Amino acid sequence: MNPSKKPDSAPLSVIENSRLLVGGAVRDQMLGLTPREHDWVVTGKSIEEMEAAGFQQVGKDFPVFLHPETHDEYALARTERKSAPGYRGFTVHADPSVTLEEDLLRRDLTINAMAQDSDGALIDPFHGEQDLQQGILRHVSEAFVEDPVRILRIARFAARFGRWGFRVAHDTHKLMREMVKSGEVDALVPERVWQETRKALESSNPERYFEVLRECGALQRIFPELDQLFGVPQPAHHHPEIDSGRHTLMVLQQAVKLSNKTAIRFAALVHDLGKGTTPESEWPKHHGHEQRGRKLVQQLCKRLRVPNDLRDLALAVTQYHGHYHRADEMRPDTIVKMFEGIDAFRRPERFEDFLITCEADQRGRSGFEDETFAQGGTLRTAFSAAQSVKSDEIIADGFEGSAIRNELQKRRAQAVKNSL
């Protein structure tokens, strides 16, 4: 078919009259949310009929098409059969005989297995509306266990709808544990894990994502560095919540309150990974956890292919959050070296993100959630003073080579001392 040729209106209208709105758009409308996208299912039609109407098929494995004008996704009703391990191991069957109910049956959760016809009437064969009203995340069928991505998705929905207290149904939780035990979750690929994790971090209650994964045992398989924090104690006078894992999730909650940046939230999540490797003989203290944590953050980011900008902020926070907490005690030259380690002079926006993340760390403790802390102001004042020192002035004073850097550090330290 010539893509530049405009399709006849009659075939297109026939397809549009056969469509039903499905999945997330139906669910979000019922929650009073604006749908992020509209997905449509078409029954009783073939691939040839879709192409004749001007739809363009995307991908080779699934009968999904783009509308020639709106570019919304239209999919033929289909069934899926497990044919290999992992989330890609499915054989898809789509033809005009597949019914809407058969198509909805293959979906992950009842709240995602509803449809709406052109008159706005709800089609809900698996009682998704009831589960939506009760805040329950429930699988549609036993086929849930065939796709390990569904473990990540259900955890992400718990995070996205955390404000309403959505919880995982008991039977669904049981299936998730079985998937972990059987090793099905080990087939997840890094790109998909990060994709779902990033969406969770961007939600209103990202801590729920990690709680749900931990409850079914998947956190230990997917994020072992994070999982090993739970059960590790901290000094009670600094951390009334005591548990390092609980503290981490509290810091993440505070990061959400302070910023909508994914990088800040990710850095908050991983800043204390080193505490999970502290020998028990040293508990509840964690000397040197910052340096140990750097290696774990690098390991996690490499495995999940986390973007470099997120990784770099996370490494800076991991290594220097202890310096932040001691800002009123540190020598000026140590403060300047911290600025250099964060690369603050070249990337002042990273320095500000660092301060916000460290504030979340301060607030992420039982009883400290609404406290006001001085360290951020101290370091902002010090940084402004250090920034005022220009290398051009040092060169003009006759310094050359490595002496320029040494004098720059010296003058910056003096400026910091004067400012404080």
Protein backbone atom coordinates (compact mmCIF):
# COMPACT_ATOMS: atom_id res chain seq x y z
CA MET A 1 0.00 0.00 0.00
CA ASN A 2 1.23 3.50 -0.85
CA PRO A 3 1.59 5.28 2.56
CA SER A 4 1.10 8.68 0.92
CA LYS A 5 -2.31 7.73 -0.43
CA LYS A 6 -5.15 8.83 1.82
CA PRO A 7 -7.38 5.86 2.75
CA ASP A 8 -11.03 5.83 1.84
CA SER A 9 -13.23 7.09 4.68
CA ALA A 10 -15.62 4.14 4.58
CA PRO A 11 -13.11 1.41 5.58
CA LEU A 12 -11.69 3.65 8.30
CA SER A 13 -15.12 4.37 9.74
CA VAL A 14 -15.90 0.66 9.76
CA ILE A 15 -12.84 0.00 11.92
CA GLU A 16 -13.64 2.90 14.23
CA ASN A 17 -17.16 1.62 14.72
CA SER A 18 -15.72 -1.78 15.77
CA ARG A 19 -13.35 -0.40 18.37
CA LEU A 20 -13.60 -0.55 22.16
CA LEU A 21 -11.61 1.48 24.65
CA VAL A 22 -9.65 -0.87 26.92
CA GLY A 23 -7.16 -1.05 29.77
CA GLY A 24 -5.63 1.93 31.50
CA ALA A 25 -7.81 4.61 29.95
CA VAL A 26 -10.97 2.96 31.27
CA ARG A 27 -9.39 2.44 34.68
CA ASP A 28 -8.07 6.00 34.96
CA GLN A 29 -11.37 7.56 33.93
CA MET A 30 -13.09 5.64 36.69
CA LEU A 31 -10.51 6.95 39.19
CA GLY A 32 -11.09 10.51 38.05
CA LEU A 33 -7.67 10.71 36.39
CA THR A 34 -6.87 11.99 32.93
CA PRO A 35 -5.79 8.98 30.83
CA ARG A 36 -2.20 9.16 29.65
CA GLU A 37 -3.08 7.38 26.43
CA HIS A 38 -5.98 5.64 24.75
CA ASP A 39 -5.71 2.02 23.67
CA TRP A 40 -8.36 0.45 21.48
CA VAL A 41 -9.24 -3.14 20.71
CA VAL A 42 -10.89 -4.10 17.45
CA THR A 43 -12.90 -7.31 17.19
CA GLY A 44 -14.02 -9.18 14.11
CA LYS A 45 -11.37 -7.72 11.79
CA SER A 46 -8.21 -9.02 10.13
CA ILE A 47 -4.75 -7.58 9.57
CA GLU A 48 -5.59 -7.08 5.91
CA GLU A 49 -8.70 -5.08 6.74
CA MET A 50 -6.75 -2.87 9.13
CA GLU A 51 -4.11 -2.15 6.49
CA ALA A 52 -6.75 -1.47 3.86
CA ALA A 53 -8.19 1.19 6.17
CA GLY A 54 -4.83 2.94 6.36
CA PHE A 55 -3.57 1.59 9.69
CA GLN A 56 0.15 0.94 9.98
CA GLN A 57 1.25 -2.19 11.83
CA VAL A 58 3.99 -1.64 14.42
CA GLY A 59 6.24 -4.55 15.29
CA LYS A 60 6.16 -8.06 13.93
CA ASP A 61 5.05 -10.04 16.96
CA PHE A 62 1.76 -8.38 17.87
CA PRO A 63 -1.19 -7.19 15.77
CA VAL A 64 -0.93 -3.58 16.94
CA PHE A 65 -1.54 -0.68 14.58
CA LEU A 66 -1.35 3.11 14.53
CA HIS A 67 -4.43 5.07 13.47
CA PRO A 68 -3.62 6.96 10.24
CA GLU A 69 -4.77 10.30 11.67
CA THR A 70 -4.71 10.26 15.50
CA HIS A 71 -1.82 7.76 15.82
CA ASP A 72 -3.64 6.09 18.74
CA GLU A 73 -2.85 2.40 19.15
CA TYR A 74 -5.40 -0.06 17.83
CA ALA A 75 -4.92 -3.78 18.48
CA LEU A 76 -6.80 -6.74 17.12
CA ALA A 77 -8.36 -8.89 19.81
CA ARG A 78 -5.88 -11.66 20.53
CA THR A 79 -4.98 -14.57 22.75
CA GLU A 80 -1.53 -15.52 23.99
CA ARG A 81 0.01 -18.88 24.83
CA LYS A 82 3.20 -19.40 26.82
CA SER A 83 5.87 -20.98 24.63
CA ALA A 84 9.21 -20.17 26.32
CA PRO A 85 10.59 -18.74 29.58
CA GLY A 86 10.53 -15.02 30.24
CA TYR A 87 8.22 -12.22 29.23
CA ARG A 88 8.94 -12.58 25.51
CA GLY A 89 8.13 -16.27 25.33
CA PHE A 90 4.56 -16.05 23.97
CA THR A 91 2.79 -17.22 20.85
CA VAL A 92 0.13 -14.74 19.75
CA HIS A 93 -3.10 -15.69 17.98
CA ALA A 94 -5.25 -12.98 16.39
CA ASP A 95 -8.06 -13.38 13.88
CA PRO A 96 -11.68 -12.21 13.53
CA SER A 97 -12.92 -15.13 15.67
CA VAL A 98 -11.21 -13.92 18.89
CA THR A 99 -13.77 -12.34 21.22
CA LEU A 100 -13.38 -9.30 23.44
CA GLU A 101 -13.68 -11.42 26.58
CA GLU A 102 -10.89 -13.72 25.36
CA ASP A 103 -8.73 -10.66 24.78
CA LEU A 104 -9.46 -9.25 28.25
CA LEU A 105 -8.75 -12.65 29.82
CA ARG A 106 -5.06 -12.44 28.85
CA ARG A 107 -4.53 -9.16 30.72
CA ASP A 108 -2.69 -8.90 34.01
CA LEU A 109 -5.09 -7.32 36.51
CA THR A 110 -8.86 -7.09 36.76
CA ILE A 111 -8.66 -3.29 36.93
CA ASN A 112 -6.90 -3.37 33.55
CA ALA A 113 -9.32 -5.88 32.02
CA MET A 114 -12.30 -3.59 31.49
CA ALA A 115 -13.58 -2.15 28.22
CA GLN A 116 -15.94 0.61 27.19
CA ASP A 117 -18.02 0.67 24.02
CA SER A 118 -18.81 3.68 21.85
CA ASP A 119 -21.86 4.48 23.96
CA GLY A 120 -19.80 4.56 27.15
CA ALA A 121 -21.20 1.28 28.49
CA LEU A 122 -18.77 -0.66 30.69
CA ILE A 123 -17.83 -4.23 29.78
CA ASP A 124 -16.40 -5.85 32.89
CA PRO A 125 -16.39 -9.67 32.79
CA PHE A 126 -13.83 -10.04 35.62
CA HIS A 127 -15.26 -7.54 38.15
CA GLY A 128 -12.54 -4.94 37.74
CA GLU A 129 -14.84 -2.11 38.81
CA GLN A 130 -15.43 -3.78 42.18
CA ASP A 131 -11.70 -4.29 42.73
CA LEU A 132 -11.07 -0.68 41.72
CA GLN A 133 -13.58 0.56 44.27
CA GLN A 134 -12.04 -1.63 46.98
CA GLY A 135 -8.44 -0.80 46.07
CA ILE A 136 -7.43 -4.36 45.25
CA LEU A 137 -4.80 -5.46 42.72
CA ARG A 138 -5.98 -8.90 41.61
CA HIS A 139 -4.86 -11.14 38.75
CA VAL A 140 -7.34 -11.97 36.00
CA SER A 141 -6.38 -15.62 35.52
CA GLU A 142 -3.73 -18.18 36.45
CA ALA A 143 -1.92 -17.14 33.27
CA PHE A 144 -0.57 -14.27 35.40
CA VAL A 145 2.36 -16.51 36.36
CA GLU A 146 3.50 -16.79 32.74
CA ASP A 147 4.88 -13.24 32.52
CA PRO A 148 7.43 -12.08 35.15
CA VAL A 149 7.00 -8.43 34.12
CA ARG A 150 3.63 -8.60 35.85
CA ILE A 151 5.38 -8.72 39.21
CA LEU A 152 6.99 -5.37 38.41
CA ARG A 153 3.76 -3.95 37.03
CA ILE A 154 1.68 -4.87 40.04
CA ALA A 155 4.29 -3.29 42.31
CA ARG A 156 4.27 -0.17 40.14
CA PHE A 157 0.49 0.09 40.31
CA ALA A 158 0.73 -0.16 44.10
CA ALA A 159 3.11 2.82 43.94
CA ARG A 160 1.06 4.83 41.46
CA PHE A 161 -2.18 4.33 43.39
CA GLY A 162 -0.56 4.46 46.81
CA ARG A 163 -2.57 7.52 47.80
CA TRP A 164 -5.68 5.32 47.75
CA GLY A 165 -4.03 2.49 49.63
CA PHE A 166 -4.20 -0.13 46.88
CA ARG A 167 -3.12 -3.55 48.10
CA VAL A 168 -2.29 -6.88 46.48
CA ALA A 169 -4.95 -9.58 46.75
CA HIS A 170 -3.90 -12.57 48.85
CA ASP A 171 -4.20 -15.08 45.99
CA THR A 172 -2.25 -12.79 43.68
CA HIS A 173 0.49 -12.37 46.26
CA LYS A 174 0.69 -16.16 46.50
CA LEU A 175 1.17 -16.43 42.73
CA MET A 176 3.90 -13.78 42.83
CA ARG A 177 5.80 -15.73 45.49
CA GLU A 178 5.50 -18.88 43.38
CA MET A 179 6.94 -17.00 40.37
CA VAL A 180 9.92 -15.93 42.43
CA LYS A 181 10.42 -19.42 43.83
CA SER A 182 10.22 -21.04 40.39
CA GLY A 183 12.87 -18.70 38.99
CA GLU A 184 10.51 -17.08 36.48
CA VAL A 185 11.45 -13.65 37.84
CA ASP A 186 15.10 -14.32 36.94
CA ALA A 187 14.18 -14.08 33.25
CA LEU A 188 13.55 -10.34 33.54
CA VAL A 189 15.88 -8.29 31.35
CA PRO A 190 17.64 -5.19 32.78
CA GLU A 191 15.98 -2.74 30.41
CA ARG A 192 12.48 -3.77 31.48
CA VAL A 193 13.37 -3.78 35.18
CA TRP A 194 14.68 -0.23 34.91
CA GLN A 195 11.73 0.90 32.78
CA GLU A 196 9.23 -0.20 35.43
CA THR A 197 11.42 1.04 38.28
CA ARG A 198 11.77 4.47 36.75
CA LYS A 199 8.00 4.74 36.35
CA ALA A 200 7.61 3.74 39.99
CA LEU A 201 10.13 6.38 41.09
CA GLU A 202 8.11 8.98 39.21
CA SER A 203 4.91 8.01 41.05
CA SER A 204 3.42 9.52 44.19
CA ASN A 205 4.37 6.61 46.48
CA PRO A 206 7.48 4.90 45.06
CA GLU A 207 8.25 3.21 48.39
CA ARG A 208 5.25 0.94 47.79
CA TYR A 209 6.96 -0.49 44.70
CA PHE A 210 9.87 -1.75 46.76
CA GLU A 211 7.64 -2.90 49.62
CA VAL A 212 5.55 -5.07 47.30
CA LEU A 213 8.65 -6.54 45.66
CA ARG A 214 10.10 -7.34 49.07
CA GLU A 215 6.90 -8.93 50.34
CA CYS A 216 6.88 -11.47 47.51
CA GLY A 217 10.64 -12.12 47.62
CA ALA A 218 11.41 -10.44 44.29
CA LEU A 219 13.44 -7.60 45.82
CA GLN A 220 16.15 -10.03 46.87
CA ARG A 221 16.44 -11.32 43.29
CA ILE A 222 16.18 -7.98 41.47
CA PHE A 223 17.67 -5.51 43.97
CA PRO A 224 19.80 -7.63 46.34
CA GLU A 225 21.84 -4.59 47.40
CA LEU A 226 18.66 -2.91 48.62
CA ASP A 227 17.09 -6.02 50.12
CA GLN A 228 20.05 -6.68 52.40
CA LEU A 229 19.47 -3.35 54.20
CA PHE A 230 16.36 -4.70 55.91
CA GLY A 231 17.10 -6.05 59.36
CA VAL A 232 20.34 -4.09 59.66
CA PRO A 233 20.19 -1.77 62.73
CA GLN A 234 21.40 1.81 63.08
CA PRO A 235 22.09 3.84 66.26
CA ALA A 236 18.70 4.57 67.80
CA HIS A 237 19.62 8.08 68.97
CA HIS A 238 20.19 9.14 65.35
CA HIS A 239 17.68 6.75 63.79
CA PRO A 240 14.64 6.07 65.98
CA GLU A 241 13.28 3.86 63.17
CA ILE A 242 16.47 1.75 63.68
CA ASP A 243 16.13 -0.48 60.59
CA SER A 244 18.31 0.61 57.64
CA GLY A 245 15.83 -0.62 55.06
CA ARG A 246 12.97 1.24 56.67
CA HIS A 247 15.12 4.37 56.84
CA THR A 248 15.84 4.09 53.11
CA LEU A 249 12.15 4.01 52.23
CA MET A 250 11.48 6.94 54.57
CA VAL A 251 14.21 8.93 52.79
CA LEU A 252 12.57 8.08 49.46
CA GLN A 253 9.25 9.38 50.80
CA GLN A 254 10.90 12.64 51.83
CA ALA A 255 12.59 12.96 48.43
CA VAL A 256 9.16 12.80 46.81
CA LYS A 257 8.00 15.69 49.02
CA LEU A 258 11.07 17.78 48.18
CA SER A 259 11.44 17.17 44.43
CA ASN A 260 9.88 15.58 41.38
CA LYS A 261 13.30 14.78 39.88
CA THR A 262 13.86 11.08 39.23
CA ALA A 263 17.60 11.50 39.83
CA ILE A 264 17.03 12.81 43.36
CA ARG A 265 14.62 10.01 44.17
CA PHE A 266 16.99 7.35 42.84
CA ALA A 267 19.92 8.82 44.79
CA ALA A 268 17.77 8.78 47.93
CA LEU A 269 16.97 5.12 47.32
CA VAL A 270 20.57 3.93 47.03
CA HIS A 271 22.53 6.37 49.22
CA ASP A 272 22.96 3.94 52.14
CA LEU A 273 23.60 0.64 50.31
CA GLY A 274 26.94 0.29 52.08
CA LYS A 275 25.21 -0.30 55.41
CA GLY A 276 24.05 -3.65 54.09
CA THR A 277 27.65 -4.87 54.02
CA THR A 278 28.68 -3.70 57.50
CA PRO A 279 29.95 -6.68 59.56
CA GLU A 280 27.49 -7.59 62.30
CA SER A 281 30.25 -7.17 64.88
CA GLU A 282 30.24 -3.42 64.11
CA TRP A 283 26.46 -2.90 64.35
CA PRO A 284 24.74 -0.54 64.88
CA LYS A 285 27.57 1.73 63.68
CA HIS A 286 28.52 1.79 60.01
CA HIS A 287 31.99 3.25 59.66
CA GLY A 288 33.11 3.41 56.04
CA HIS A 289 29.70 2.59 54.59
CA GLU A 290 29.98 5.49 52.16
CA GLN A 291 32.95 4.03 50.30
CA ARG A 292 31.51 0.51 50.35
CA GLY A 293 28.26 1.95 49.09
CA ARG A 294 29.93 3.49 46.02
CA LYS A 295 30.90 0.06 44.75
CA LEU A 296 27.38 -1.25 45.27
CA VAL A 297 25.80 1.72 43.49
CA GLN A 298 28.16 1.25 40.55
CA GLN A 299 27.31 -2.45 40.49
CA LEU A 300 23.56 -1.86 40.54
CA CYS A 301 23.68 0.89 37.92
CA LYS A 302 25.80 -1.21 35.58
CA ARG A 303 23.51 -4.22 35.93
CA LEU A 304 20.29 -2.30 35.30
CA ARG A 305 21.85 0.15 32.82
CA VAL A 306 20.78 3.17 34.82
CA PRO A 307 21.38 6.45 32.90
CA ASN A 308 24.70 8.13 33.66
CA ASP A 309 23.20 11.34 35.06
CA LEU A 310 21.25 9.39 37.67
CA ARG A 311 24.26 7.22 38.46
CA ASP A 312 26.58 10.22 38.94
CA LEU A 313 24.28 12.00 41.40
CA ALA A 314 23.73 8.74 43.28
CA LEU A 315 27.49 8.21 43.59
CA ALA A 316 28.01 11.77 44.84
CA VAL A 317 25.31 11.44 47.48
CA THR A 318 26.52 7.99 48.52
CA GLN A 319 30.10 9.17 49.04
CA TYR A 320 29.50 12.61 50.54
CA HIS A 321 26.22 12.51 52.48
CA GLY A 322 28.24 12.02 55.67
CA HIS A 323 30.15 15.21 54.87
CA TYR A 324 26.86 17.05 54.48
CA HIS A 325 25.70 16.01 57.93
CA ARG A 326 29.00 17.27 59.42
CA ALA A 327 28.97 20.56 57.50
CA ASP A 328 29.20 22.67 60.66
CA GLU A 329 32.23 20.70 61.87
CA MET A 330 34.36 20.35 58.73
CA ARG A 331 37.45 22.36 57.92
CA PRO A 332 37.13 24.79 54.99
CA ASP A 333 39.62 22.84 52.86
CA THR A 334 37.61 19.64 53.40
CA ILE A 335 34.46 21.44 52.29
CA VAL A 336 36.21 22.61 49.12
CA LYS A 337 37.43 19.07 48.38
CA MET A 338 33.84 17.86 48.77
CA PHE A 339 32.68 20.47 46.25
CA GLU A 340 35.35 19.22 43.84
CA GLY A 341 34.38 15.59 44.44
CA ILE A 342 30.77 16.36 43.57
CA ASP A 343 31.99 18.33 40.53
CA ALA A 344 29.97 21.24 41.89
CA PHE A 345 31.96 24.01 40.22
CA ARG A 346 31.28 22.63 36.75
CA ARG A 347 27.82 21.29 37.57
CA PRO A 348 26.19 23.57 40.16
CA GLU A 349 22.78 22.04 39.42
CA ARG A 350 24.14 18.67 40.59
CA PHE A 351 25.29 20.30 43.82
CA GLU A 352 21.77 21.61 44.45
CA ASP A 353 20.32 18.14 43.76
CA PHE A 354 22.89 16.74 46.19
CA LEU A 355 21.72 19.13 48.92
CA ILE A 356 18.07 18.27 48.37
CA THR A 357 18.79 14.54 48.54
CA CYS A 358 20.78 14.95 51.73
CA GLU A 359 17.95 16.96 53.26
CA ALA A 360 15.65 14.04 52.45
CA ASP A 361 18.15 11.82 54.26
CA GLN A 362 17.91 14.06 57.34
CA ARG A 363 14.12 14.09 57.27
CA GLY A 364 13.77 10.37 56.55
CA ARG A 365 13.86 9.40 60.22
CA SER A 366 11.08 8.81 62.73
CA GLY A 367 10.24 12.12 64.40
CA PHE A 368 12.44 14.25 62.12
CA GLU A 369 10.11 14.48 59.12
CA ASP A 370 9.22 18.15 59.68
CA GLU A 371 12.43 19.39 61.28
CA THR A 372 14.49 22.32 59.94
CA PHE A 373 18.21 21.71 59.43
CA ALA A 374 21.07 24.18 59.00
CA GLN A 375 23.52 22.14 56.92
CA GLY A 376 22.00 22.99 53.56
CA GLY A 377 22.22 26.71 54.22
CA THR A 378 25.75 26.40 55.52
CA LEU A 379 26.95 24.61 52.40
CA ARG A 380 25.10 26.93 50.02
CA THR A 381 26.81 29.91 51.65
CA ALA A 382 30.18 28.18 51.50
CA PHE A 383 29.72 27.23 47.86
CA SER A 384 28.76 30.74 46.86
CA ALA A 385 31.94 32.01 48.50
CA ALA A 386 34.12 29.37 46.83
CA GLN A 387 32.56 30.14 43.44
CA SER A 388 33.59 33.77 43.77
CA VAL A 389 37.27 32.79 43.47
CA LYS A 390 38.30 32.90 39.81
CA SER A 391 41.23 31.07 38.25
CA ASP A 392 41.83 34.07 35.93
CA GLU A 393 42.83 36.13 38.95
CA ILE A 394 45.30 33.47 40.05
CA ILE A 395 46.88 33.29 36.59
CA ALA A 396 47.10 37.08 36.54
CA ASP A 397 49.01 36.88 39.83
CA GLY A 398 51.71 34.85 38.06
CA PHE A 399 50.88 31.27 39.06
CA GLU A 400 51.55 28.55 36.47
CA GLY A 401 50.98 24.82 35.96
CA SER A 402 49.98 22.74 38.99
CA ALA A 403 50.51 25.79 41.21
CA ILE A 404 47.32 27.28 39.77
CA ARG A 405 45.19 24.42 41.11
CA ASN A 406 46.90 24.47 44.51
CA GLU A 407 46.41 28.21 44.88
CA LEU A 408 42.82 27.93 43.68
CA GLN A 409 42.06 25.39 46.40
CA LYS A 410 43.82 27.54 48.98
CA ARG A 411 41.91 30.70 48.09
CA ARG A 412 38.60 28.87 47.88
CA ALA A 413 39.19 27.44 51.36
CA GLN A 414 39.97 30.91 52.67
CA ALA A 415 36.82 32.30 51.06
CA VAL A 416 34.79 29.52 52.68
CA LYS A 417 36.37 30.24 56.04
CA ASN A 418 35.57 33.94 55.74
CA SER A 419 31.96 33.24 54.74
CA LEU A 420 31.32 30.97 57.71
